[in-house]
Amino acid sequence: MLFSSTEFLFAFLPASLAGFYLAGRLGGPRIALMWLTAASLFFYGYWNPMFLPLIVGSIICNYALGRAIIANRSKPLLIIGIVFNLGLLSYYKYTDFLIGTVNALGDASIPMQSIVLPLAISFFTFQQIAYLADAYQGHTQDPDFLHYCLFVSFFPQLIAGPIVHHSETIPQFQRADTFRISRARITVGLTIMVMGLYKKVMLADGIAAHADKVFDNATTTAPGLIEAWGGALAYSFQIYFDFSGYSDMAIGAAFLFGIRLPINFNSPYKAVNIIDFWRRWHITLSRFIRDYLYYPLGGNRKGPNRRYVNLMTAMLLGGLWHGAAWNFVFWGGLHGFFLAINHFWHAVRRRRGHDLSASTPVGRWVARLITFIAVVIAWVFFRADSWEAALAILGGMANFNGIGESIDFAWRASGAEFAWLGILLAVVWLAPNSQELMAEDEPVLNPPPPVKIPYRASWMAPAMVVTAIVVSLVMISRGPDGVRFIYMIF
């Protein structure tokens, strides 16, 4: 069930919300939490009921392991928990990847297993590994089973994040005001959801066809300079607004239930370097990689050379987490290389006595442009279906294939697409993001500084109503089969 689908927006969400507050009023907080947990598991099982026992079994096993670890501070139990979780993830996500790699390297012919990837397994696996690690380190208390179930399965963040820390949500399940309906809460939650829905349906899905045309034809028709850059930029904006839209809808949906999620997306294309980019893009994944991979590997405590090795290792594994293919690994490694260069440059500047916080407006814009170009180049490997396609796109971007005048792509038909790309670039660089607009209402745990908008209250509600009507009409015209959010496949 997609956040951008009619069955979610006009059936599941209203029913689950009404049931939650009605259960809280008639039966009390615990009944409301039971209802929300059941609704979340129904949401998960709606896609494929055969995987419902998987997430339920994972919750039960990890809860039992967590309690045992809290009681005994047992490292063997922690290792068992990590192996159990990574074993499940590896079987479902990486079995065919490993078989294909062995077949390619060893000239073998091991048959592929064609294992169906369970929805959200990457997210709820990482979330529970973090819980077990925190339990071992004494950073968590023995939770109530119902609270733990909802911590893992809460549907706004279940499918594609944010990767929530137990200390961020479980205490909220215990607050009395969570179960009291509030007109302000409903208004803010719906406003953020409409913003996210617009980004997904109108912006991300609207530009997706242009990216698909270039990437899908790259191996058969080498794109020229114009087509290659057009396709790469189109995908860069598609994934930006797709993930930004999902993040907004997750935050808005959670806030409807009185739950504040951590911010997970904060205008990453405004980043002035790759370090800054990863503080803004998929923030909770970056936090997990830092806290549970990079730091345990040694972080920067064992000298600069080891630091760069740790950075590269963490980002390679982060790339592999995104997908079971070598192009994702290479994408992660490329960002690891960028991060190593970034940290090395900062170290050089510090040794020379430069103030890293000091910069001119021109310098910041140059840095932002360089960072954006590096990110766009890396996205080529993330999106391409094969090495050949990625190299063909990059060759076109480097003008190895000519400017592309003889190739009949959509990009040559009109300048309208590039004008649209220019508008999207202006939006991501110059406009405040949704969390900055709504920061005064505190819909997230760690809101960015608010942006003061004159007369916001007078125009926000009418604008959201009109936007919701337009987006709903577009959704209905496209039929029942919506386009998946990109991070749903990870």
Protein backbone atom coordinates (compact mmCIF):
# COMPACT_ATOMS: atom_id res chain seq x y z
CA MET A 1 0.00 0.00 0.00
CA LEU A 2 1.65 3.19 -1.19
CA PHE A 3 1.42 6.45 0.74
CA SER A 4 0.42 8.05 -2.57
CA SER A 5 -2.35 5.53 -3.32
CA THR A 6 -6.06 6.26 -3.05
CA GLU A 7 -6.66 3.23 -0.79
CA PHE A 8 -4.11 4.55 1.72
CA LEU A 9 -5.21 8.18 1.67
CA PHE A 10 -8.97 7.69 1.55
CA ALA A 11 -9.46 4.36 3.33
CA PHE A 12 -6.62 3.03 5.49
CA LEU A 13 -5.35 6.31 6.98
CA PRO A 14 -8.78 7.71 7.97
CA ALA A 15 -9.90 4.34 9.38
CA SER A 16 -6.71 3.77 11.38
CA LEU A 17 -6.75 7.35 12.67
CA ALA A 18 -10.42 7.23 13.71
CA GLY A 19 -9.94 3.83 15.34
CA PHE A 20 -6.89 5.04 17.25
CA TYR A 21 -8.56 8.04 18.86
CA LEU A 22 -11.83 6.20 19.41
CA ALA A 23 -10.00 3.30 21.08
CA GLY A 24 -8.04 5.74 23.21
CA ARG A 25 -11.21 7.48 24.36
CA LEU A 26 -13.26 4.36 25.06
CA GLY A 27 -10.64 1.83 26.06
CA GLY A 28 -7.62 3.84 27.15
CA PRO A 29 -4.04 4.21 25.88
CA ARG A 30 -3.20 0.51 25.80
CA ILE A 31 -6.18 -0.36 23.62
CA ALA A 32 -5.25 2.51 21.29
CA LEU A 33 -1.70 1.19 20.98
CA MET A 34 -3.00 -2.30 20.31
CA TRP A 35 -5.21 -0.90 17.54
CA LEU A 36 -2.30 1.04 16.02
CA THR A 37 -0.03 -2.01 16.14
CA ALA A 38 -2.70 -4.15 14.47
CA ALA A 39 -3.24 -1.46 11.83
CA SER A 40 0.51 -1.26 11.20
CA LEU A 41 0.80 -5.02 10.75
CA PHE A 42 -2.22 -4.96 8.42
CA PHE A 43 -0.49 -2.19 6.45
CA TYR A 44 2.63 -4.35 6.14
CA GLY A 45 0.72 -7.52 5.22
CA TYR A 46 -1.44 -5.73 2.63
CA TRP A 47 1.41 -5.92 0.09
CA ASN A 48 2.08 -9.63 0.59
CA PRO A 49 0.49 -11.48 3.54
CA MET A 50 3.03 -14.31 3.28
CA PHE A 51 5.69 -12.04 4.79
CA LEU A 52 3.62 -11.06 7.82
CA PRO A 53 4.96 -14.03 9.85
CA LEU A 54 8.49 -12.86 8.98
CA ILE A 55 8.19 -9.45 10.61
CA VAL A 56 6.17 -10.84 13.54
CA GLY A 57 8.77 -13.58 14.11
CA SER A 58 11.58 -11.04 13.83
CA ILE A 59 9.90 -8.83 16.43
CA ILE A 60 9.37 -11.70 18.87
CA CYS A 61 12.91 -13.07 18.53
CA ASN A 62 14.57 -9.67 18.87
CA TYR A 63 12.40 -8.71 21.83
CA ALA A 64 13.36 -11.93 23.62
CA LEU A 65 17.04 -11.44 22.78
CA GLY A 66 16.89 -7.83 23.92
CA ARG A 67 15.42 -8.77 27.30
CA ALA A 68 18.07 -11.46 27.79
CA ILE A 69 20.85 -9.05 26.83
CA ILE A 70 19.55 -6.38 29.21
CA ALA A 71 19.40 -8.91 32.05
CA ASN A 72 22.82 -10.49 31.46
CA ARG A 73 24.85 -7.99 29.39
CA SER A 74 25.89 -11.02 27.36
CA LYS A 75 28.12 -10.39 24.35
CA PRO A 76 27.48 -13.91 22.91
CA LEU A 77 23.75 -13.13 22.91
CA LEU A 78 24.44 -9.85 21.13
CA ILE A 79 26.45 -11.71 18.49
CA ILE A 80 23.66 -14.27 18.13
CA GLY A 81 21.16 -11.42 17.64
CA ILE A 82 23.28 -9.68 15.02
CA VAL A 83 23.92 -12.94 13.14
CA PHE A 84 20.20 -13.78 13.27
CA ASN A 85 19.18 -10.40 11.82
CA LEU A 86 21.92 -10.22 9.21
CA GLY A 87 21.25 -13.85 8.30
CA LEU A 88 17.62 -13.09 7.49
CA LEU A 89 18.58 -9.98 5.56
CA SER A 90 21.34 -11.78 3.65
CA TYR A 91 19.13 -14.72 2.70
CA TYR A 92 16.32 -12.64 1.28
CA LYS A 93 18.34 -9.78 -0.18
CA TYR A 94 21.76 -11.11 -1.11
CA THR A 95 21.46 -14.81 -1.98
CA ASP A 96 21.01 -14.28 -5.72
CA PHE A 97 23.61 -11.49 -5.67
CA LEU A 98 26.19 -13.87 -4.17
CA ILE A 99 25.24 -16.66 -6.58
CA GLY A 100 25.55 -14.32 -9.55
CA THR A 101 28.94 -13.10 -8.35
CA VAL A 102 30.22 -16.66 -7.87
CA ASN A 103 28.91 -17.64 -11.28
CA ALA A 104 30.60 -14.65 -12.91
CA LEU A 105 33.96 -15.03 -11.14
CA GLY A 106 34.19 -18.82 -11.09
CA ASP A 107 32.53 -19.60 -14.42
CA ALA A 108 29.97 -21.62 -12.47
CA SER A 109 26.32 -22.26 -13.25
CA ILE A 110 24.63 -22.28 -9.85
CA PRO A 111 20.91 -21.71 -10.43
CA MET A 112 19.40 -18.47 -9.18
CA GLN A 113 16.86 -18.83 -6.36
CA SER A 114 14.62 -15.90 -7.43
CA ILE A 115 13.85 -15.04 -3.80
CA VAL A 116 11.22 -12.34 -3.35
CA LEU A 117 12.54 -9.46 -1.23
CA PRO A 118 10.25 -8.80 1.76
CA LEU A 119 9.07 -5.23 2.09
CA ALA A 120 11.08 -3.05 4.50
CA ILE A 121 13.41 -5.84 5.66
CA SER A 122 16.45 -3.56 5.39
CA PHE A 123 14.82 -0.96 7.63
CA PHE A 124 13.36 -3.11 10.39
CA THR A 125 16.55 -5.21 10.47
CA PHE A 126 18.82 -2.20 11.06
CA GLN A 127 16.40 -0.75 13.59
CA GLN A 128 16.44 -3.92 15.68
CA ILE A 129 20.21 -4.41 15.41
CA ALA A 130 20.60 -0.90 16.84
CA TYR A 131 18.23 -1.83 19.66
CA LEU A 132 20.23 -4.96 20.55
CA ALA A 133 23.51 -3.03 20.48
CA ASP A 134 22.08 -0.35 22.75
CA ALA A 135 20.72 -3.04 25.08
CA TYR A 136 24.19 -4.54 25.40
CA GLN A 137 25.73 -1.15 26.13
CA GLY A 138 23.13 -0.45 28.82
CA HIS A 139 21.47 2.38 26.90
CA THR A 140 17.95 0.97 27.05
CA GLN A 141 15.53 -0.36 29.61
CA ASP A 142 13.41 -3.48 29.35
CA PRO A 143 10.46 -2.28 27.24
CA ASP A 144 6.85 -3.39 27.30
CA PHE A 145 6.22 -5.93 24.50
CA LEU A 146 3.41 -3.87 22.99
CA HIS A 147 5.61 -0.78 22.92
CA TYR A 148 8.39 -2.75 21.26
CA CYS A 149 6.01 -4.15 18.63
CA LEU A 150 4.85 -0.66 17.72
CA PHE A 151 8.41 0.69 17.80
CA VAL A 152 9.31 -1.76 15.01
CA SER A 153 6.07 -1.86 13.03
CA PHE A 154 4.71 1.73 13.25
CA PHE A 155 3.51 2.11 9.69
CA PRO A 156 4.54 5.73 8.91
CA GLN A 157 8.24 4.82 9.29
CA LEU A 158 8.14 1.08 8.60
CA ILE A 159 8.54 0.91 4.82
CA ALA A 160 11.33 3.36 4.04
CA GLY A 161 12.42 4.98 7.25
CA PRO A 162 13.42 6.97 9.09
CA ILE A 163 15.42 4.34 10.95
CA VAL A 164 14.07 5.21 14.38
CA HIS A 165 15.95 4.87 17.65
CA HIS A 166 14.03 3.20 20.46
CA SER A 167 14.60 6.19 22.75
CA GLU A 168 12.87 8.44 20.22
CA THR A 169 9.50 6.70 19.96
CA ILE A 170 8.90 4.34 22.90
CA PRO A 171 8.69 7.22 25.45
CA GLN A 172 6.09 8.88 23.22
CA PHE A 173 3.89 5.78 23.44
CA GLN A 174 3.68 6.41 27.18
CA ARG A 175 2.58 10.07 27.10
CA ALA A 176 -1.03 10.81 27.89
CA ASP A 177 -1.36 13.66 25.38
CA THR A 178 -0.49 11.27 22.52
CA PHE A 179 -4.00 9.82 22.75
CA ARG A 180 -5.94 13.10 22.81
CA ILE A 181 -7.06 14.33 19.42
CA SER A 182 -6.01 17.86 18.53
CA ARG A 183 -7.23 20.01 15.67
CA ALA A 184 -3.83 21.70 15.43
CA ARG A 185 -2.09 18.30 15.27
CA ILE A 186 -4.42 17.09 12.50
CA THR A 187 -4.02 20.33 10.54
CA VAL A 188 -0.22 20.28 10.71
CA GLY A 189 0.00 16.56 9.92
CA LEU A 190 -2.26 16.83 6.89
CA THR A 191 -0.44 19.93 5.65
CA ILE A 192 2.91 18.14 5.70
CA MET A 193 1.37 15.08 4.03
CA VAL A 194 -0.06 17.22 1.22
CA MET A 195 3.37 18.79 0.68
CA GLY A 196 4.94 15.35 0.45
CA LEU A 197 2.19 14.04 -1.81
CA TYR A 198 2.72 16.94 -4.20
CA LYS A 199 6.45 16.28 -4.33
CA LYS A 200 5.90 12.61 -5.10
CA VAL A 201 3.01 12.74 -7.58
CA MET A 202 3.69 16.01 -9.37
CA LEU A 203 7.46 16.52 -9.18
CA ALA A 204 9.17 13.12 -8.77
CA ASP A 205 6.78 11.10 -10.93
CA GLY A 206 6.50 14.01 -13.34
CA ILE A 207 10.22 14.00 -14.16
CA ALA A 208 10.71 10.22 -13.92
CA ALA A 209 9.77 9.50 -17.55
CA HIS A 210 12.61 11.70 -18.81
CA ALA A 211 15.17 9.93 -16.65
CA ASP A 212 13.82 6.50 -17.63
CA LYS A 213 14.03 7.31 -21.35
CA VAL A 214 17.73 8.09 -21.18
CA PHE A 215 18.80 5.36 -18.74
CA ASP A 216 16.68 2.60 -20.31
CA ASN A 217 18.09 3.28 -23.78
CA ALA A 218 21.69 3.97 -22.76
CA THR A 219 23.06 0.55 -23.78
CA THR A 220 21.41 0.55 -27.20
CA THR A 221 21.72 4.24 -28.13
CA ALA A 222 24.72 6.05 -26.68
CA PRO A 223 23.44 9.35 -25.29
CA GLY A 224 25.12 12.58 -26.30
CA LEU A 225 26.10 15.42 -24.03
CA ILE A 226 22.63 16.92 -23.84
CA GLU A 227 20.76 13.64 -23.36
CA ALA A 228 23.22 12.30 -20.78
CA TRP A 229 23.18 15.39 -18.59
CA GLY A 230 19.43 15.69 -19.04
CA GLY A 231 18.87 12.11 -17.90
CA ALA A 232 21.31 12.34 -14.98
CA LEU A 233 19.78 15.60 -13.75
CA ALA A 234 16.26 14.26 -14.22
CA TYR A 235 17.02 11.23 -12.04
CA SER A 236 18.79 13.43 -9.47
CA PHE A 237 15.61 15.46 -9.07
CA GLN A 238 13.36 12.40 -9.26
CA ILE A 239 15.06 10.66 -6.32
CA TYR A 240 15.32 13.97 -4.43
CA PHE A 241 11.61 14.76 -4.57
CA ASP A 242 10.62 11.10 -4.26
CA PHE A 243 12.50 10.65 -1.00
CA SER A 244 11.67 14.14 0.24
CA GLY A 245 8.01 13.46 -0.49
CA TYR A 246 8.08 10.13 1.32
CA SER A 247 9.87 11.69 4.31
CA ASP A 248 7.24 14.43 4.54
CA MET A 249 4.37 11.96 4.32
CA ALA A 250 5.94 9.74 6.99
CA ILE A 251 6.39 12.71 9.33
CA GLY A 252 2.89 14.02 8.63
CA ALA A 253 1.22 10.63 9.08
CA ALA A 254 3.07 9.99 12.36
CA PHE A 255 2.16 13.45 13.65
CA LEU A 256 -1.52 12.71 13.07
CA PHE A 257 -1.12 10.05 15.78
CA GLY A 258 0.78 12.39 18.08
CA ILE A 259 4.18 10.82 17.32
CA ARG A 260 7.16 12.94 16.29
CA LEU A 261 9.69 11.17 14.09
CA PRO A 262 13.30 12.34 13.66
CA ILE A 263 13.97 14.50 10.63
CA ASN A 264 15.39 12.40 7.81
CA PHE A 265 15.77 14.84 4.91
CA ASN A 266 16.98 18.43 5.11
CA SER A 267 17.64 20.02 1.70
CA PRO A 268 20.71 17.88 0.85
CA TYR A 269 21.36 19.63 -2.47
CA LYS A 270 22.11 22.78 -0.48
CA ALA A 271 25.13 20.97 0.98
CA VAL A 272 28.48 22.71 0.54
CA ASN A 273 30.50 19.47 0.73
CA ILE A 274 29.92 15.72 0.84
CA ILE A 275 30.16 15.64 4.66
CA ASP A 276 27.36 18.19 4.74
CA PHE A 277 25.40 16.17 2.16
CA TRP A 278 25.37 13.08 4.37
CA ARG A 279 24.22 15.20 7.32
CA ARG A 280 21.19 16.13 5.22
CA TRP A 281 20.41 13.05 3.09
CA HIS A 282 18.79 10.04 4.81
CA ILE A 283 19.95 11.46 8.12
CA THR A 284 18.96 8.45 10.23
CA LEU A 285 20.80 6.02 7.93
CA SER A 286 23.90 8.21 8.18
CA ARG A 287 23.49 8.12 11.95
CA PHE A 288 23.24 4.33 11.96
CA ILE A 289 26.32 3.94 9.73
CA ARG A 290 28.26 6.34 11.96
CA ASP A 291 27.18 4.89 15.32
CA TYR A 292 27.06 1.16 14.50
CA LEU A 293 29.63 0.76 11.72
CA TYR A 294 32.10 3.65 11.56
CA TYR A 295 32.64 4.09 15.31
CA PRO A 296 32.93 0.34 16.09
CA LEU A 297 35.51 0.09 13.30
CA GLY A 298 37.56 2.69 15.16
CA GLY A 299 36.29 5.92 13.64
CA ASN A 300 39.07 8.49 13.61
CA ARG A 301 40.66 7.28 16.87
CA LYS A 302 43.45 5.25 15.24
CA GLY A 303 45.02 7.83 12.98
CA PRO A 304 44.10 9.45 9.66
CA ASN A 305 44.95 6.46 7.45
CA ARG A 306 42.74 4.12 9.46
CA ARG A 307 40.04 6.79 9.43
CA TYR A 308 39.94 6.79 5.63
CA VAL A 309 39.82 2.98 5.56
CA ASN A 310 36.95 3.03 8.05
CA LEU A 311 35.10 5.65 6.03
CA MET A 312 35.46 3.62 2.85
CA THR A 313 34.42 0.38 4.56
CA ALA A 314 31.34 1.97 6.14
CA MET A 315 30.22 3.56 2.88
CA LEU A 316 30.80 0.38 0.85
CA LEU A 317 28.56 -1.48 3.29
CA GLY A 318 26.09 1.40 3.16
CA GLY A 319 26.00 1.10 -0.61
CA LEU A 320 25.43 -2.65 -0.37
CA TRP A 321 22.56 -1.99 2.07
CA HIS A 322 20.82 0.01 -0.65
CA GLY A 323 20.79 -2.84 -3.12
CA ALA A 324 22.18 -6.26 -3.97
CA ALA A 325 24.21 -5.20 -6.99
CA TRP A 326 27.75 -4.03 -7.63
CA ASN A 327 26.60 -0.67 -8.93
CA PHE A 328 25.25 0.14 -5.44
CA VAL A 329 28.53 -0.97 -3.88
CA PHE A 330 30.44 1.25 -6.30
CA TRP A 331 28.08 4.15 -5.54
CA GLY A 332 28.81 3.71 -1.83
CA GLY A 333 32.54 3.44 -2.49
CA LEU A 334 32.44 6.59 -4.61
CA HIS A 335 30.83 8.50 -1.75
CA GLY A 336 33.38 6.99 0.62
CA PHE A 337 36.13 8.31 -1.66
CA PHE A 338 34.46 11.74 -1.75
CA LEU A 339 34.22 11.76 2.06
CA ALA A 340 37.88 10.79 2.43
CA ILE A 341 38.92 13.64 0.13
CA ASN A 342 36.65 16.01 2.03
CA HIS A 343 38.10 15.04 5.44
CA PHE A 344 41.66 15.18 4.07
CA TRP A 345 41.07 18.69 2.70
CA HIS A 346 39.64 19.83 6.03
CA ALA A 347 42.66 18.38 7.85
CA VAL A 348 45.04 20.24 5.52
CA ARG A 349 43.18 23.50 6.05
CA ARG A 350 43.16 23.07 9.83
CA ARG A 351 46.92 22.43 9.86
CA ARG A 352 47.38 25.68 7.96
CA GLY A 353 45.33 27.56 10.51
CA HIS A 354 42.24 28.17 8.38
CA ASP A 355 38.84 28.62 9.99
CA LEU A 356 36.59 26.01 8.36
CA SER A 357 33.45 27.90 9.34
CA ALA A 358 34.58 31.06 7.54
CA SER A 359 33.48 31.39 3.91
CA THR A 360 32.25 33.99 1.46
CA PRO A 361 28.86 33.80 -0.30
CA VAL A 362 30.62 33.20 -3.61
CA GLY A 363 32.77 30.48 -2.07
CA ARG A 364 29.73 28.73 -0.63
CA TRP A 365 27.93 28.74 -3.96
CA VAL A 366 30.98 27.37 -5.76
CA ALA A 367 31.27 24.64 -3.11
CA ARG A 368 27.55 23.88 -3.43
CA LEU A 369 27.84 23.56 -7.22
CA ILE A 370 30.87 21.24 -7.00
CA THR A 371 29.12 19.08 -4.41
CA PHE A 372 25.96 18.91 -6.51
CA ILE A 373 27.88 17.82 -9.62
CA ALA A 374 29.69 15.11 -7.63
CA VAL A 375 26.37 13.81 -6.28
CA VAL A 376 24.79 13.81 -9.75
CA ILE A 377 27.70 11.81 -11.18
CA ALA A 378 27.40 9.27 -8.36
CA TRP A 379 23.63 8.92 -8.95
CA VAL A 380 24.40 7.55 -12.42
CA PHE A 381 25.75 4.34 -10.86
CA PHE A 382 22.82 4.24 -8.42
CA ARG A 383 20.21 4.42 -11.22
CA ALA A 384 21.84 2.54 -14.10
CA ASP A 385 20.74 -1.05 -14.66
CA SER A 386 24.22 -2.17 -15.69
CA TRP A 387 27.86 -1.10 -15.83
CA GLU A 388 27.50 -0.62 -19.57
CA ALA A 389 24.59 1.77 -19.11
CA ALA A 390 26.40 3.74 -16.41
CA LEU A 391 29.56 4.08 -18.52
CA ALA A 392 27.50 5.10 -21.55
CA ILE A 393 25.78 7.85 -19.54
CA LEU A 394 29.08 9.05 -18.07
CA GLY A 395 30.66 8.98 -21.53
CA GLY A 396 27.87 11.17 -22.79
CA MET A 397 28.27 13.55 -19.85
CA ALA A 398 31.97 13.82 -20.71
CA ASN A 399 31.02 14.55 -24.35
CA PHE A 400 32.64 11.34 -25.63
CA ASN A 401 29.52 10.59 -27.70
CA GLY A 402 29.07 14.00 -29.26
CA ILE A 403 26.49 16.60 -28.40
CA GLY A 404 23.63 14.34 -29.46
CA GLU A 405 22.01 16.27 -32.31
CA SER A 406 21.29 13.12 -34.32
CA ILE A 407 19.61 11.26 -31.47
CA ASP A 408 15.84 11.53 -31.27
CA PHE A 409 15.38 11.75 -27.52
CA ALA A 410 12.72 13.79 -25.75
CA TRP A 411 15.48 16.17 -24.72
CA ARG A 412 16.00 17.23 -28.34
CA ALA A 413 12.32 17.79 -29.04
CA SER A 414 12.02 20.92 -26.98
CA GLY A 415 13.81 23.06 -24.45
CA ALA A 416 10.86 22.72 -22.06
CA GLU A 417 12.43 19.80 -20.18
CA PHE A 418 15.61 21.71 -19.44
CA ALA A 419 13.57 24.74 -18.41
CA TRP A 420 11.73 22.46 -15.98
CA LEU A 421 15.04 21.12 -14.68
CA GLY A 422 16.16 24.70 -14.12
CA ILE A 423 13.01 25.42 -12.11
CA LEU A 424 13.55 22.31 -9.98
CA LEU A 425 17.17 23.32 -9.36
CA ALA A 426 16.02 26.76 -8.22
CA VAL A 427 13.51 25.14 -5.87
CA VAL A 428 16.03 22.83 -4.19
CA TRP A 429 18.66 25.56 -3.91
CA LEU A 430 16.60 28.61 -3.00
CA ALA A 431 13.26 27.59 -1.47
CA PRO A 432 12.79 26.68 2.20
CA ASN A 433 11.96 23.03 2.75
CA SER A 434 8.74 21.77 4.31
CA GLN A 435 10.29 21.22 7.75
CA GLU A 436 11.62 24.76 7.81
CA LEU A 437 8.16 26.04 6.88
CA MET A 438 6.50 23.99 9.61
CA ALA A 439 9.25 24.15 12.25
CA GLU A 440 7.22 26.45 14.54
CA ASP A 441 4.71 23.61 14.94
CA GLU A 442 7.50 21.13 15.88
CA PRO A 443 6.28 18.11 13.89
CA VAL A 444 9.69 16.42 14.15
CA LEU A 445 11.99 15.69 17.09
CA ASN A 446 14.86 17.85 15.87
CA PRO A 447 13.38 20.58 13.67
CA PRO A 448 15.59 22.93 11.65
CA PRO A 449 15.46 26.65 12.38
CA PRO A 450 12.07 28.00 11.26
CA VAL A 451 11.69 30.23 8.23
CA LYS A 452 9.47 33.22 8.87
CA ILE A 453 6.74 33.38 6.23
CA PRO A 454 4.50 36.48 6.31
CA TYR A 455 0.80 35.69 6.76
CA ARG A 456 1.45 31.95 6.71
CA ALA A 457 -1.79 31.10 8.51
CA SER A 458 -3.89 33.07 6.00
CA TRP A 459 -2.66 31.33 2.86
CA MET A 460 -1.46 27.92 4.06
CA ALA A 461 -4.84 26.22 4.51
CA PRO A 462 -6.38 27.35 1.17
CA ALA A 463 -3.17 26.48 -0.65
CA MET A 464 -3.09 22.99 0.86
CA VAL A 465 -6.76 22.38 -0.02
CA VAL A 466 -6.23 23.39 -3.64
CA THR A 467 -3.02 21.33 -3.84
CA ALA A 468 -4.75 18.28 -2.37
CA ILE A 469 -7.59 18.53 -4.89
CA VAL A 470 -5.22 18.88 -7.85
CA VAL A 471 -2.98 16.01 -6.73
CA SER A 472 -6.00 13.80 -6.04
CA LEU A 473 -7.34 14.41 -9.54
CA VAL A 474 -3.95 13.54 -11.02
CA MET A 475 -3.80 10.34 -8.93
CA ILE A 476 -7.28 9.29 -10.02
CA SER A 477 -6.47 9.98 -13.68
CA ARG A 478 -3.43 7.70 -13.45
CA GLY A 479 -5.47 4.78 -12.19
CA PRO A 480 -5.06 2.53 -9.13
CA ASP A 481 -1.49 1.46 -9.83
CA GLY A 482 0.76 4.16 -8.46
CA VAL A 483 4.52 4.50 -8.79
CA ARG A 484 6.48 3.06 -5.89
CA PHE A 485 8.66 5.28 -3.78
CA ILE A 486 12.26 4.57 -4.77
CA TYR A 487 13.41 3.68 -1.25
CA MET A 488 10.67 1.07 -0.93
CA ILE A 489 12.76 -1.35 -3.01
CA PHE A 490 15.66 -1.29 -0.53
